[in-house]
Amino acid sequence: MIDYVRYELKPSPTVKHQKLLIELCQRLYASCYPNGVLLTPPLDVYFDEGNLFQPDLIFITDENAKIIKEARIE
């Protein structure tokens, strides 16, 4: 949801997309993971009531760990 507008869900990601995501996860894990948390969907990222996202990959530094809640990122 962006500015209170719900967008139609796209079809499932392609195999190429998934392979790219795995490669990105591996690289981020190797280089950044000691300094934060790496998360994958399904997991909501809530900015405010009108803006809710579900990104393909989420990296949160340790210094921002307080935004990680039980059910979502806020």
C-alpha atoms as a PDB file:
ATOM      1  CA  MET A   1       0.000   0.000   0.000  1.00  0.00           C
ATOM      2  CA  ILE A   2       1.363   3.394  -0.983  1.00  0.00           C
ATOM      3  CA  ASP A   3      -0.476   6.530   0.148  1.00  0.00           C
ATOM      4  CA  TYR A   4      -3.490   4.389   1.124  1.00  0.00           C
ATOM      5  CA  VAL A   5      -3.700   2.850  -2.369  1.00  0.00           C
ATOM      6  CA  ARG A   6      -3.579  -0.941  -2.569  1.00  0.00           C
ATOM      7  CA  TYR A   7      -1.815  -2.193  -5.647  1.00  0.00           C
ATOM      8  CA  GLU A   8      -2.634  -5.427  -7.391  1.00  0.00           C
ATOM      9  CA  LEU A   9      -0.259  -8.233  -6.577  1.00  0.00           C
ATOM     10  CA  LYS A  10       2.079  -9.203  -9.359  1.00  0.00           C
ATOM     11  CA  PRO A  11       2.611 -12.827 -10.343  1.00  0.00           C
ATOM     12  CA  SER A  12       5.185 -14.822  -8.405  1.00  0.00           C
ATOM     13  CA  PRO A  13       8.810 -13.838  -9.016  1.00  0.00           C
ATOM     14  CA  THR A  14      10.618 -15.533 -11.871  1.00  0.00           C
ATOM     15  CA  VAL A  15      13.375 -18.093 -11.393  1.00  0.00           C
ATOM     16  CA  LYS A  16      15.902 -15.458 -12.524  1.00  0.00           C
ATOM     17  CA  HIS A  17      14.591 -13.063  -9.868  1.00  0.00           C
ATOM     18  CA  GLN A  18      14.864 -15.711  -7.161  1.00  0.00           C
ATOM     19  CA  LYS A  19      18.430 -16.650  -8.181  1.00  0.00           C
ATOM     20  CA  LEU A  20      19.434 -12.995  -8.074  1.00  0.00           C
ATOM     21  CA  LEU A  21      17.868 -12.612  -4.646  1.00  0.00           C
ATOM     22  CA  ILE A  22      19.790 -15.625  -3.318  1.00  0.00           C
ATOM     23  CA  GLU A  23      23.052 -14.243  -4.697  1.00  0.00           C
ATOM     24  CA  LEU A  24      22.379 -10.854  -3.134  1.00  0.00           C
ATOM     25  CA  CYS A  25      21.551 -12.502   0.199  1.00  0.00           C
ATOM     26  CA  GLN A  26      24.824 -14.432   0.120  1.00  0.00           C
ATOM     27  CA  ARG A  27      26.856 -11.299  -0.626  1.00  0.00           C
ATOM     28  CA  LEU A  28      25.098  -9.240   2.019  1.00  0.00           C
ATOM     29  CA  TYR A  29      25.447 -12.015   4.552  1.00  0.00           C
ATOM     30  CA  ALA A  30      29.188 -12.259   3.884  1.00  0.00           C
ATOM     31  CA  SER A  31      29.842  -8.533   4.040  1.00  0.00           C
ATOM     32  CA  CYS A  32      27.162  -6.902   6.194  1.00  0.00           C
ATOM     33  CA  TYR A  33      25.522  -9.503   8.401  1.00  0.00           C
ATOM     34  CA  PRO A  34      27.960  -9.117  11.305  1.00  0.00           C
ATOM     35  CA  ASN A  35      26.660  -5.539  11.626  1.00  0.00           C
ATOM     36  CA  GLY A  36      22.935  -6.170  11.374  1.00  0.00           C
ATOM     37  CA  VAL A  37      20.015  -8.419  10.526  1.00  0.00           C
ATOM     38  CA  LEU A  38      19.141  -9.762   7.083  1.00  0.00           C
ATOM     39  CA  LEU A  39      15.466 -10.673   6.564  1.00  0.00           C
ATOM     40  CA  THR A  40      13.399 -11.973   3.651  1.00  0.00           C
ATOM     41  CA  PRO A  41       9.653 -11.909   2.896  1.00  0.00           C
ATOM     42  CA  PRO A  42       6.973 -12.398   3.751  1.00  0.00           C
ATOM     43  CA  LEU A  43       7.538  -9.601   6.259  1.00  0.00           C
ATOM     44  CA  ASP A  44       5.784  -6.237   6.297  1.00  0.00           C
ATOM     45  CA  VAL A  45       7.656  -2.950   6.530  1.00  0.00           C
ATOM     46  CA  TYR A  46       5.297  -0.386   8.047  1.00  0.00           C
ATOM     47  CA  PHE A  47       6.071   3.306   7.603  1.00  0.00           C
ATOM     48  CA  ASP A  48       2.649   4.622   8.572  1.00  0.00           C
ATOM     49  CA  GLU A  49      -0.989   3.608   8.181  1.00  0.00           C
ATOM     50  CA  GLY A  50      -1.002   4.514   4.482  1.00  0.00           C
ATOM     51  CA  ASN A  51       2.383   3.063   3.549  1.00  0.00           C
ATOM     52  CA  LEU A  52       3.053  -0.629   3.980  1.00  0.00           C
ATOM     53  CA  PHE A  53       5.562  -2.582   1.915  1.00  0.00           C
ATOM     54  CA  GLN A  54       6.891  -6.107   1.592  1.00  0.00           C
ATOM     55  CA  PRO A  55      10.356  -5.836   0.025  1.00  0.00           C
ATOM     56  CA  ASP A  56      12.274  -8.769  -1.414  1.00  0.00           C
ATOM     57  CA  LEU A  57      15.138  -8.268   0.999  1.00  0.00           C
ATOM     58  CA  ILE A  58      15.549  -6.275   4.192  1.00  0.00           C
ATOM     59  CA  PHE A  59      18.825  -5.382   5.902  1.00  0.00           C
ATOM     60  CA  ILE A  60      18.695  -3.529   9.205  1.00  0.00           C
ATOM     61  CA  THR A  61      21.851  -2.371  10.946  1.00  0.00           C
ATOM     62  CA  ASP A  62      22.340  -3.176  14.610  1.00  0.00           C
ATOM     63  CA  GLU A  63      21.990   0.510  15.466  1.00  0.00           C
ATOM     64  CA  ASN A  64      18.463   0.472  13.976  1.00  0.00           C
ATOM     65  CA  ALA A  65      17.424  -2.874  15.481  1.00  0.00           C
ATOM     66  CA  LYS A  66      14.736  -1.171  17.582  1.00  0.00           C
ATOM     67  CA  ILE A  67      12.522  -0.946  14.467  1.00  0.00           C
ATOM     68  CA  ILE A  68      12.241  -4.752  14.382  1.00  0.00           C
ATOM     69  CA  LYS A  69       8.992  -5.735  16.094  1.00  0.00           C
ATOM     70  CA  GLU A  70       7.434  -9.156  16.625  1.00  0.00           C
ATOM     71  CA  ALA A  71       5.148  -9.057  13.574  1.00  0.00           C
ATOM     72  CA  ARG A  72       6.770  -6.461  11.298  1.00  0.00           C
ATOM     73  CA  ILE A  73       9.356  -3.739  10.778  1.00  0.00           C
ATOM     74  CA  GLU A  74       8.181  -0.317  11.928  1.00  0.00           C
END
